[in-house]
Amino acid sequence: MAASSLSSLLLPPLRLGCNGKAFSTHHQGITGIKAQWSKLETKASRDSETSKTLNLVNRRMAVGLICGVSGLFTGSMGVRGAGLPPEEKPRLCDVSCEKKLENVPMVTTESGLQYKDIKVGEGPNPPVGFQVAANYVAMVPNGQIFDSSLEKGQLYIFRVGSGQVIKGLDEGILTMKAGGKRRLYIPGPLAFPKGLTSAPGRPRVAPSSPVVFDVSLEYIPGLEADEE
């Protein structure tokens, strides 16, 4: 059997035209095979490129997902960190003291100073001009601390009634007894006329704004020595 007859059995005759002329069945078969092969190569090439592109996209998506998830956890940790309560600072009046203080009567002086005695001392009152050794915790009305001798770890010593401290503190300590503890509600005119600037972890005190002082009169240097 001729080669042309064999090819005609394997490949059905194709009626392809080019400029109005027909190819022979043999040429049609060869051309068809080449065309089919070319299509397969093109498809394979496209599939390969598509596969590479998909792999690249998948890798990028995977990296993005990992970064996104890690960012989510990092962000949530940051939120938790930001939501942590501020470090607890030492106070002269703890939670139980605050509850007891609710039932203590308020005393108001002619100057507008108000106070509540947390504990009445048993020692002498400090004379004007005498040094006193005291602890204090200074707060804005919402309870935020802006100054404290407890944080500094040392007693505050000054001459009472001599203008070395704000007017409200001077007046409040003058009527205390040594060993006593008191909360002073100091109105703006008796507080800080120029105010106090804020600092890390400490609130700003506006000029002539009310403040609250918890004060403990520890002792009166010199006066107690004379009594002994």
C-alpha atoms as a PDB file:
ATOM      1  CA  MET A   1       0.000   0.000   0.000  1.00  0.00           C
ATOM      2  CA  ALA A   2       1.325   3.419  -0.898  1.00  0.00           C
ATOM      3  CA  ALA A   3       2.396   5.823   1.784  1.00  0.00           C
ATOM      4  CA  SER A   4      -0.302   8.225   0.727  1.00  0.00           C
ATOM      5  CA  SER A   5      -2.929   5.511   1.198  1.00  0.00           C
ATOM      6  CA  LEU A   6      -1.580   4.697   4.701  1.00  0.00           C
ATOM      7  CA  SER A   7      -1.718   8.313   5.752  1.00  0.00           C
ATOM      8  CA  SER A   8      -5.238   8.582   4.450  1.00  0.00           C
ATOM      9  CA  LEU A   9      -6.293   5.763   6.764  1.00  0.00           C
ATOM     10  CA  LEU A  10      -4.699   7.337   9.833  1.00  0.00           C
ATOM     11  CA  LEU A  11      -5.854  10.848   9.132  1.00  0.00           C
ATOM     12  CA  PRO A  12      -9.201  11.619   7.559  1.00  0.00           C
ATOM     13  CA  PRO A  13      -8.962  13.875   4.536  1.00  0.00           C
ATOM     14  CA  LEU A  14      -9.168  17.566   5.397  1.00  0.00           C
ATOM     15  CA  ARG A  15     -10.533  20.104   2.983  1.00  0.00           C
ATOM     16  CA  LEU A  16      -8.277  23.077   3.630  1.00  0.00           C
ATOM     17  CA  GLY A  17      -8.013  25.834   1.119  1.00  0.00           C
ATOM     18  CA  CYS A  18      -5.336  28.419   0.546  1.00  0.00           C
ATOM     19  CA  ASN A  19      -5.874  31.046  -2.155  1.00  0.00           C
ATOM     20  CA  GLY A  20      -8.658  28.865  -3.567  1.00  0.00           C
ATOM     21  CA  LYS A  21      -6.374  25.776  -4.059  1.00  0.00           C
ATOM     22  CA  ALA A  22      -6.695  22.488  -2.163  1.00  0.00           C
ATOM     23  CA  PHE A  23      -3.745  20.672  -0.566  1.00  0.00           C
ATOM     24  CA  SER A  24      -3.197  17.014  -1.036  1.00  0.00           C
ATOM     25  CA  THR A  25      -4.291  14.609   1.683  1.00  0.00           C
ATOM     26  CA  HIS A  26      -0.633  13.884   2.514  1.00  0.00           C
ATOM     27  CA  HIS A  27       0.176  17.536   2.945  1.00  0.00           C
ATOM     28  CA  GLN A  28      -3.046  18.025   4.815  1.00  0.00           C
ATOM     29  CA  GLY A  29      -2.093  15.295   7.278  1.00  0.00           C
ATOM     30  CA  ILE A  30       1.402  16.679   7.854  1.00  0.00           C
ATOM     31  CA  THR A  31       0.071  20.212   8.176  1.00  0.00           C
ATOM     32  CA  GLY A  32      -2.636  19.053  10.610  1.00  0.00           C
ATOM     33  CA  ILE A  33      -0.105  17.224  12.754  1.00  0.00           C
ATOM     34  CA  LYS A  34       2.136  20.264  12.838  1.00  0.00           C
ATOM     35  CA  ALA A  35      -0.800  22.517  13.635  1.00  0.00           C
ATOM     36  CA  GLN A  36      -2.005  20.228  16.408  1.00  0.00           C
ATOM     37  CA  TRP A  37       1.525  19.933  17.798  1.00  0.00           C
ATOM     38  CA  SER A  38       1.965  23.681  17.634  1.00  0.00           C
ATOM     39  CA  LYS A  39      -1.318  24.146  19.512  1.00  0.00           C
ATOM     40  CA  LEU A  40      -0.229  21.622  22.132  1.00  0.00           C
ATOM     41  CA  GLU A  41       3.134  23.340  22.526  1.00  0.00           C
ATOM     42  CA  THR A  42       1.425  26.728  22.807  1.00  0.00           C
ATOM     43  CA  LYS A  43      -1.084  25.372  25.324  1.00  0.00           C
ATOM     44  CA  ALA A  44       1.677  23.663  27.292  1.00  0.00           C
ATOM     45  CA  SER A  45       3.714  26.848  27.222  1.00  0.00           C
ATOM     46  CA  ARG A  46       0.698  28.856  28.353  1.00  0.00           C
ATOM     47  CA  ASP A  47      -0.135  26.297  31.008  1.00  0.00           C
ATOM     48  CA  SER A  48       3.472  26.444  32.195  1.00  0.00           C
ATOM     49  CA  GLU A  49       3.406  30.243  32.333  1.00  0.00           C
ATOM     50  CA  THR A  50      -0.003  30.155  33.982  1.00  0.00           C
ATOM     51  CA  SER A  51       1.268  27.608  36.506  1.00  0.00           C
ATOM     52  CA  LYS A  52       4.292  29.778  37.244  1.00  0.00           C
ATOM     53  CA  THR A  53       2.079  32.854  37.585  1.00  0.00           C
ATOM     54  CA  LEU A  54      -0.355  31.020  39.835  1.00  0.00           C
ATOM     55  CA  ASN A  55       2.503  29.694  41.947  1.00  0.00           C
ATOM     56  CA  LEU A  56       3.904  33.222  42.249  1.00  0.00           C
ATOM     57  CA  VAL A  57       0.478  34.626  43.130  1.00  0.00           C
ATOM     58  CA  ASN A  58      -0.110  31.828  45.631  1.00  0.00           C
ATOM     59  CA  ARG A  59       3.259  32.486  47.248  1.00  0.00           C
ATOM     60  CA  ARG A  60       2.528  36.193  47.454  1.00  0.00           C
ATOM     61  CA  MET A  61      -0.911  35.516  48.880  1.00  0.00           C
ATOM     62  CA  ALA A  62       0.573  33.126  51.419  1.00  0.00           C
ATOM     63  CA  VAL A  63       3.191  35.678  52.476  1.00  0.00           C
ATOM     64  CA  GLY A  64       0.526  38.387  52.664  1.00  0.00           C
ATOM     65  CA  LEU A  65      -1.715  36.136  54.735  1.00  0.00           C
ATOM     66  CA  ILE A  66       1.120  35.298  57.137  1.00  0.00           C
ATOM     67  CA  CYS A  67       2.055  38.965  57.462  1.00  0.00           C
ATOM     68  CA  GLY A  68      -1.582  39.878  57.944  1.00  0.00           C
ATOM     69  CA  VAL A  69      -2.108  37.259  60.633  1.00  0.00           C
ATOM     70  CA  SER A  70       1.118  38.170  62.403  1.00  0.00           C
ATOM     71  CA  GLY A  71       0.126  41.824  62.180  1.00  0.00           C
ATOM     72  CA  LEU A  72      -3.236  40.935  63.652  1.00  0.00           C
ATOM     73  CA  PHE A  73      -1.634  39.217  66.620  1.00  0.00           C
ATOM     74  CA  THR A  74       0.927  41.990  67.016  1.00  0.00           C
ATOM     75  CA  GLY A  75      -1.816  44.580  66.785  1.00  0.00           C
ATOM     76  CA  SER A  76      -3.955  42.796  69.325  1.00  0.00           C
ATOM     77  CA  MET A  77      -0.994  42.555  71.650  1.00  0.00           C
ATOM     78  CA  GLY A  78      -0.447  46.262  71.169  1.00  0.00           C
ATOM     79  CA  VAL A  79      -4.075  46.927  71.986  1.00  0.00           C
ATOM     80  CA  ARG A  80      -3.796  44.805  75.112  1.00  0.00           C
ATOM     81  CA  GLY A  81      -0.601  46.624  76.034  1.00  0.00           C
ATOM     82  CA  ALA A  82      -2.258  49.975  75.518  1.00  0.00           C
ATOM     83  CA  GLY A  83      -5.249  48.833  77.548  1.00  0.00           C
ATOM     84  CA  LEU A  84      -3.206  47.772  80.575  1.00  0.00           C
ATOM     85  CA  PRO A  85      -4.007  49.733  83.738  1.00  0.00           C
ATOM     86  CA  PRO A  86      -1.369  52.282  84.773  1.00  0.00           C
ATOM     87  CA  GLU A  87       1.218  51.177  87.282  1.00  0.00           C
ATOM     88  CA  GLU A  88      -0.204  51.390  90.788  1.00  0.00           C
ATOM     89  CA  LYS A  89       1.377  54.211  92.777  1.00  0.00           C
ATOM     90  CA  PRO A  90       1.722  54.299  96.563  1.00  0.00           C
ATOM     91  CA  ARG A  91      -1.019  56.194  98.362  1.00  0.00           C
ATOM     92  CA  LEU A  92      -1.708  57.434 101.869  1.00  0.00           C
ATOM     93  CA  CYS A  93      -5.351  56.373 101.608  1.00  0.00           C
ATOM     94  CA  ASP A  94      -6.066  52.891 100.230  1.00  0.00           C
ATOM     95  CA  VAL A  95      -9.397  51.383  99.131  1.00  0.00           C
ATOM     96  CA  SER A  96     -10.612  50.643 102.653  1.00  0.00           C
ATOM     97  CA  CYS A  97      -9.563  54.131 103.735  1.00  0.00           C
ATOM     98  CA  GLU A  98     -11.568  55.631 100.866  1.00  0.00           C
ATOM     99  CA  LYS A  99     -14.684  53.787 102.012  1.00  0.00           C
ATOM    100  CA  LYS A 100     -14.282  55.030 105.590  1.00  0.00           C
ATOM    101  CA  LEU A 101     -13.646  58.541 104.320  1.00  0.00           C
ATOM    102  CA  GLU A 102     -17.121  58.636 102.761  1.00  0.00           C
ATOM    103  CA  ASN A 103     -18.616  58.752 106.261  1.00  0.00           C
ATOM    104  CA  VAL A 104     -16.200  61.345 107.650  1.00  0.00           C
ATOM    105  CA  PRO A 105     -17.748  64.844 107.975  1.00  0.00           C
ATOM    106  CA  MET A 106     -16.342  67.596 105.775  1.00  0.00           C
ATOM    107  CA  VAL A 107     -14.892  70.689 107.438  1.00  0.00           C
ATOM    108  CA  THR A 108     -14.883  73.980 105.514  1.00  0.00           C
ATOM    109  CA  THR A 109     -12.749  76.946 106.599  1.00  0.00           C
ATOM    110  CA  GLU A 110     -13.301  80.666 105.944  1.00  0.00           C
ATOM    111  CA  SER A 111     -10.742  80.613 103.098  1.00  0.00           C
ATOM    112  CA  GLY A 112     -12.697  77.951 101.242  1.00  0.00           C
ATOM    113  CA  LEU A 113     -10.325  75.113 102.167  1.00  0.00           C
ATOM    114  CA  GLN A 114     -12.101  71.827 102.925  1.00  0.00           C
ATOM    115  CA  TYR A 115     -10.721  68.775 104.657  1.00  0.00           C
ATOM    116  CA  LYS A 116     -11.531  65.394 106.160  1.00  0.00           C
ATOM    117  CA  ASP A 117      -9.460  63.833 108.925  1.00  0.00           C
ATOM    118  CA  ILE A 118      -8.435  60.301 108.019  1.00  0.00           C
ATOM    119  CA  LYS A 119      -6.713  59.977 111.377  1.00  0.00           C
ATOM    120  CA  VAL A 120      -6.506  62.516 114.174  1.00  0.00           C
ATOM    121  CA  GLY A 121      -2.979  62.744 115.604  1.00  0.00           C
ATOM    122  CA  GLU A 122      -2.081  62.696 119.276  1.00  0.00           C
ATOM    123  CA  GLY A 123       0.914  65.029 119.126  1.00  0.00           C
ATOM    124  CA  PRO A 124       1.138  68.825 119.240  1.00  0.00           C
ATOM    125  CA  ASN A 125       0.031  71.281 116.563  1.00  0.00           C
ATOM    126  CA  PRO A 126       2.910  72.869 114.641  1.00  0.00           C
ATOM    127  CA  PRO A 127       3.545  76.531 115.531  1.00  0.00           C
ATOM    128  CA  VAL A 128       3.907  78.969 112.637  1.00  0.00           C
ATOM    129  CA  GLY A 129       7.492  79.035 111.379  1.00  0.00           C
ATOM    130  CA  PHE A 130       8.406  75.593 112.759  1.00  0.00           C
ATOM    131  CA  GLN A 131       9.706  72.878 110.518  1.00  0.00           C
ATOM    132  CA  VAL A 132       7.449  69.884 109.930  1.00  0.00           C
ATOM    133  CA  ALA A 133       8.204  66.494 108.434  1.00  0.00           C
ATOM    134  CA  ALA A 134       5.337  65.229 106.333  1.00  0.00           C
ATOM    135  CA  ASN A 135       4.356  62.788 103.632  1.00  0.00           C
ATOM    136  CA  TYR A 136       1.952  63.876 100.919  1.00  0.00           C
ATOM    137  CA  VAL A 137       0.228  62.603  97.796  1.00  0.00           C
ATOM    138  CA  ALA A 138      -0.966  65.385  95.484  1.00  0.00           C
ATOM    139  CA  MET A 139      -3.803  64.673  93.038  1.00  0.00           C
ATOM    140  CA  VAL A 140      -6.066  66.353  90.533  1.00  0.00           C
ATOM    141  CA  PRO A 141      -9.789  65.988  91.402  1.00  0.00           C
ATOM    142  CA  ASN A 142     -10.192  62.743  89.398  1.00  0.00           C
ATOM    143  CA  GLY A 143      -7.565  61.039  91.595  1.00  0.00           C
ATOM    144  CA  GLN A 144      -4.588  61.102  89.229  1.00  0.00           C
ATOM    145  CA  ILE A 145      -1.349  61.704  91.127  1.00  0.00           C
ATOM    146  CA  PHE A 146       0.909  64.529  89.950  1.00  0.00           C
ATOM    147  CA  ASP A 147       3.344  64.626  92.883  1.00  0.00           C
ATOM    148  CA  SER A 148       4.161  62.432  95.866  1.00  0.00           C
ATOM    149  CA  SER A 149       6.775  62.230  98.598  1.00  0.00           C
ATOM    150  CA  LEU A 150       6.065  58.482  98.797  1.00  0.00           C
ATOM    151  CA  GLU A 151       7.334  58.007  95.251  1.00  0.00           C
ATOM    152  CA  LYS A 152      10.461  60.007  96.096  1.00  0.00           C
ATOM    153  CA  GLY A 153      10.995  57.849  99.167  1.00  0.00           C
ATOM    154  CA  GLN A 154      11.662  60.682 101.604  1.00  0.00           C
ATOM    155  CA  LEU A 155       9.757  62.961 103.964  1.00  0.00           C
ATOM    156  CA  TYR A 156       9.049  66.495 102.875  1.00  0.00           C
ATOM    157  CA  ILE A 157      10.427  68.994 105.399  1.00  0.00           C
ATOM    158  CA  PHE A 158       9.452  72.672 105.277  1.00  0.00           C
ATOM    159  CA  ARG A 159       8.609  75.601 107.536  1.00  0.00           C
ATOM    160  CA  VAL A 160       4.861  75.700 107.972  1.00  0.00           C
ATOM    161  CA  GLY A 161       3.056  79.034 107.628  1.00  0.00           C
ATOM    162  CA  SER A 162       6.061  80.641 105.927  1.00  0.00           C
ATOM    163  CA  GLY A 163       4.862  80.546 102.313  1.00  0.00           C
ATOM    164  CA  GLN A 164       7.211  77.716 101.297  1.00  0.00           C
ATOM    165  CA  VAL A 165       4.283  75.675 100.010  1.00  0.00           C
ATOM    166  CA  ILE A 166       0.893  76.526  98.464  1.00  0.00           C
ATOM    167  CA  LYS A 167      -1.557  78.332 100.730  1.00  0.00           C
ATOM    168  CA  GLY A 168      -4.002  75.442 101.047  1.00  0.00           C
ATOM    169  CA  LEU A 169      -1.297  73.036 102.247  1.00  0.00           C
ATOM    170  CA  ASP A 170       0.070  75.584 104.703  1.00  0.00           C
ATOM    171  CA  GLU A 171      -3.346  76.215 106.220  1.00  0.00           C
ATOM    172  CA  GLY A 172      -4.299  72.553 106.292  1.00  0.00           C
ATOM    173  CA  ILE A 173      -1.196  71.401 108.175  1.00  0.00           C
ATOM    174  CA  LEU A 174      -1.275  74.235 110.732  1.00  0.00           C
ATOM    175  CA  THR A 175      -4.404  72.781 112.342  1.00  0.00           C
ATOM    176  CA  MET A 176      -3.194  69.163 112.314  1.00  0.00           C
ATOM    177  CA  LYS A 177      -1.623  67.288 115.204  1.00  0.00           C
ATOM    178  CA  ALA A 178       1.591  65.301 114.829  1.00  0.00           C
ATOM    179  CA  GLY A 179       0.799  61.714 113.879  1.00  0.00           C
ATOM    180  CA  GLY A 180      -2.382  62.747 112.081  1.00  0.00           C
ATOM    181  CA  LYS A 181      -3.464  62.141 108.511  1.00  0.00           C
ATOM    182  CA  ARG A 182      -5.812  64.390 106.530  1.00  0.00           C
ATOM    183  CA  ARG A 183      -7.292  64.865 103.065  1.00  0.00           C
ATOM    184  CA  LEU A 184      -7.263  68.465 101.884  1.00  0.00           C
ATOM    185  CA  TYR A 185      -9.621  69.709  99.182  1.00  0.00           C
ATOM    186  CA  ILE A 186      -7.788  72.821  98.054  1.00  0.00           C
ATOM    187  CA  PRO A 187      -9.694  75.352  95.911  1.00  0.00           C
ATOM    188  CA  GLY A 188      -8.037  77.044  92.936  1.00  0.00           C
ATOM    189  CA  PRO A 189      -7.168  80.352  94.686  1.00  0.00           C
ATOM    190  CA  LEU A 190      -5.227  78.410  97.364  1.00  0.00           C
ATOM    191  CA  ALA A 191      -3.487  76.042  94.915  1.00  0.00           C
ATOM    192  CA  PHE A 192      -1.093  76.716  92.010  1.00  0.00           C
ATOM    193  CA  PRO A 193      -1.642  80.174  90.457  1.00  0.00           C
ATOM    194  CA  LYS A 194       0.601  79.363  87.472  1.00  0.00           C
ATOM    195  CA  GLY A 195      -0.379  75.706  87.237  1.00  0.00           C
ATOM    196  CA  LEU A 196       1.976  72.783  86.620  1.00  0.00           C
ATOM    197  CA  THR A 197       3.036  71.304  83.309  1.00  0.00           C
ATOM    198  CA  SER A 198       2.393  67.642  82.570  1.00  0.00           C
ATOM    199  CA  ALA A 199       5.103  64.980  82.590  1.00  0.00           C
ATOM    200  CA  PRO A 200       5.202  61.316  81.534  1.00  0.00           C
ATOM    201  CA  GLY A 201       2.606  59.530  83.666  1.00  0.00           C
ATOM    202  CA  ARG A 202       1.597  62.754  85.397  1.00  0.00           C
ATOM    203  CA  PRO A 203      -1.375  64.983  84.569  1.00  0.00           C
ATOM    204  CA  ARG A 204      -1.213  68.705  83.934  1.00  0.00           C
ATOM    205  CA  VAL A 205      -2.514  71.034  86.613  1.00  0.00           C
ATOM    206  CA  ALA A 206      -4.243  74.059  85.115  1.00  0.00           C
ATOM    207  CA  PRO A 207      -3.560  77.496  86.665  1.00  0.00           C
ATOM    208  CA  SER A 208      -5.670  78.171  89.771  1.00  0.00           C
ATOM    209  CA  SER A 209      -7.504  74.842  89.487  1.00  0.00           C
ATOM    210  CA  PRO A 210      -8.578  72.775  92.532  1.00  0.00           C
ATOM    211  CA  VAL A 211      -6.321  69.992  93.764  1.00  0.00           C
ATOM    212  CA  VAL A 212      -6.493  67.305  96.448  1.00  0.00           C
ATOM    213  CA  PHE A 213      -3.718  66.539  98.943  1.00  0.00           C
ATOM    214  CA  ASP A 214      -3.504  63.554 101.256  1.00  0.00           C
ATOM    215  CA  VAL A 215      -1.113  64.589 104.039  1.00  0.00           C
ATOM    216  CA  SER A 216       0.365  62.802 107.041  1.00  0.00           C
ATOM    217  CA  LEU A 217       2.140  64.949 109.645  1.00  0.00           C
ATOM    218  CA  GLU A 218       4.861  62.586 110.808  1.00  0.00           C
ATOM    219  CA  TYR A 219       6.610  64.768 113.376  1.00  0.00           C
ATOM    220  CA  ILE A 220       7.755  68.312 114.221  1.00  0.00           C
ATOM    221  CA  PRO A 221      11.558  68.448 114.403  1.00  0.00           C
ATOM    222  CA  GLY A 222      12.852  70.367 117.413  1.00  0.00           C
ATOM    223  CA  LEU A 223       9.464  70.653 119.122  1.00  0.00           C
ATOM    224  CA  GLU A 224       9.340  66.938 119.943  1.00  0.00           C
ATOM    225  CA  ALA A 225      12.987  67.040 121.014  1.00  0.00           C
ATOM    226  CA  ASP A 226      12.197  69.818 123.490  1.00  0.00           C
ATOM    227  CA  GLU A 227       9.255  67.852 124.893  1.00  0.00           C
ATOM    228  CA  GLU A 228      11.457  64.822 125.441  1.00  0.00           C
END
